[in-house]
Amino acid sequence: SELEDDDDDDDDDVDDDYVSFEVIVTGEWYFEEKNNFYTNQPAPCLKMELEKVIYGPTTNGADQWSSLGPVKLTDFLYLDDDLMILRGNANTSSLFVYRRAS
């Protein structure tokens, strides 16, 4: 089968510049007490040793994805049963929000 893009329909609510797909990252996650990179104060951290990145039919080693660098060491900002908010330890402009899958 073929996929077609119907550009004649101006009533659709789809943003043609936005594409979404599921990515699964596997690896080990560890809780550590480290010092914050900037303040040198103790900060609970999540350290990730990433293994694979899976998207669609493709699987790559996580070491091939340099963009995953900021997620490898993060500071906890908030944590409860359903939500976890982390900030990059060395790059404080990186913010990660995880929610428990239902």
Protein backbone atom coordinates (compact mmCIF):
# COMPACT_ATOMS: atom_id res chain seq x y z
CA SER A 1 0.00 0.00 0.00
CA GLU A 2 1.04 3.60 -0.46
CA LEU A 3 0.72 6.62 1.81
CA GLU A 4 -0.52 9.84 0.27
CA ASP A 5 -0.29 13.41 1.56
CA ASP A 6 -3.48 15.28 0.73
CA ASP A 7 -2.40 18.93 0.64
CA ASP A 8 -5.78 20.05 -0.74
CA ASP A 9 -7.54 19.76 2.65
CA ASP A 10 -7.04 23.01 4.59
CA ASP A 11 -9.40 21.92 7.37
CA ASP A 12 -7.13 19.32 8.94
CA ASP A 13 -5.57 20.00 12.35
CA VAL A 14 -2.26 18.32 11.51
CA ASP A 15 0.92 20.38 11.74
CA ASP A 16 2.93 19.30 8.70
CA ASP A 17 6.18 20.39 10.40
CA TYR A 18 5.62 18.09 13.41
CA VAL A 19 6.35 14.37 13.33
CA SER A 20 5.93 12.10 16.34
CA PHE A 21 7.13 8.55 16.86
CA GLU A 22 7.88 6.27 19.79
CA VAL A 23 11.48 5.75 20.85
CA ILE A 24 12.50 3.16 23.44
CA VAL A 25 15.82 3.54 25.24
CA THR A 26 17.08 0.54 27.23
CA GLY A 27 19.77 0.38 29.87
CA GLU A 28 20.43 0.45 33.60
CA TRP A 29 19.27 3.26 35.89
CA TYR A 30 21.04 3.96 39.20
CA PHE A 31 20.26 6.30 42.09
CA GLU A 32 23.36 8.17 43.29
CA GLU A 33 24.18 10.96 45.70
CA LYS A 34 26.56 13.31 43.88
CA ASN A 35 27.45 16.96 44.11
CA ASN A 36 25.72 19.37 41.75
CA PHE A 37 28.04 20.44 38.93
CA TYR A 38 27.49 24.18 39.56
CA THR A 39 26.81 24.48 43.29
CA ASN A 40 28.98 21.59 44.51
CA GLN A 41 26.14 20.84 46.97
CA PRO A 42 24.90 17.28 47.52
CA ALA A 43 22.13 16.40 45.06
CA PRO A 44 20.29 13.11 44.51
CA CYS A 45 20.95 12.03 40.93
CA LEU A 46 19.77 9.47 38.43
CA LYS A 47 22.63 7.93 36.48
CA MET A 48 21.81 6.00 33.31
CA GLU A 49 24.03 3.55 31.50
CA LEU A 50 22.21 3.41 28.18
CA GLU A 51 22.39 0.35 25.93
CA LYS A 52 20.00 0.48 22.95
CA VAL A 53 17.77 2.95 21.11
CA ILE A 54 14.80 1.33 19.37
CA TYR A 55 12.51 3.22 16.99
CA GLY A 56 10.30 1.57 14.40
CA PRO A 57 12.15 -1.40 12.92
CA THR A 58 15.57 0.11 13.77
CA THR A 59 17.81 -0.69 16.75
CA ASN A 60 21.09 1.14 17.41
CA GLY A 61 23.60 1.20 20.22
CA ALA A 62 22.93 4.15 22.52
CA ASP A 63 26.59 5.18 22.18
CA GLN A 64 25.76 6.26 18.59
CA TRP A 65 23.31 8.90 19.92
CA SER A 66 25.33 11.83 21.28
CA SER A 67 22.05 13.70 21.85
CA LEU A 68 21.38 11.35 24.80
CA GLY A 69 24.34 12.80 26.70
CA PRO A 70 22.30 15.18 28.90
CA VAL A 71 20.06 12.36 30.16
CA LYS A 72 22.95 10.20 31.42
CA LEU A 73 23.31 12.14 34.70
CA THR A 74 20.37 14.15 36.02
CA ASP A 75 19.29 15.78 39.29
CA PHE A 76 15.92 14.94 40.83
CA LEU A 77 13.58 17.95 41.02
CA TYR A 78 10.35 16.09 41.82
CA LEU A 79 9.33 12.46 42.32
CA ASP A 80 6.05 10.76 43.21
CA ASP A 81 4.26 7.52 42.25
CA ASP A 82 3.32 8.75 38.77
CA LEU A 83 5.67 11.60 37.87
CA MET A 84 9.43 12.17 37.83
CA ILE A 85 11.01 15.52 36.86
CA LEU A 86 14.77 15.65 36.31
CA ARG A 87 17.22 18.39 35.31
CA GLY A 88 20.56 17.86 33.59
CA ASN A 89 23.38 17.82 36.17
CA ALA A 90 25.90 19.64 33.97
CA ASN A 91 23.42 21.34 31.63
CA THR A 92 20.68 22.89 33.76
CA SER A 93 18.68 23.95 30.68
CA SER A 94 17.90 20.26 30.02
CA LEU A 95 14.62 19.25 31.66
CA PHE A 96 13.12 15.75 31.53
CA VAL A 97 9.59 14.82 32.57
CA TYR A 98 8.60 11.15 32.88
CA ARG A 99 5.14 9.83 33.67
CA ARG A 100 4.20 6.28 34.55
CA ALA A 101 2.64 4.48 31.61
CA SER A 102 -0.90 3.32 32.27
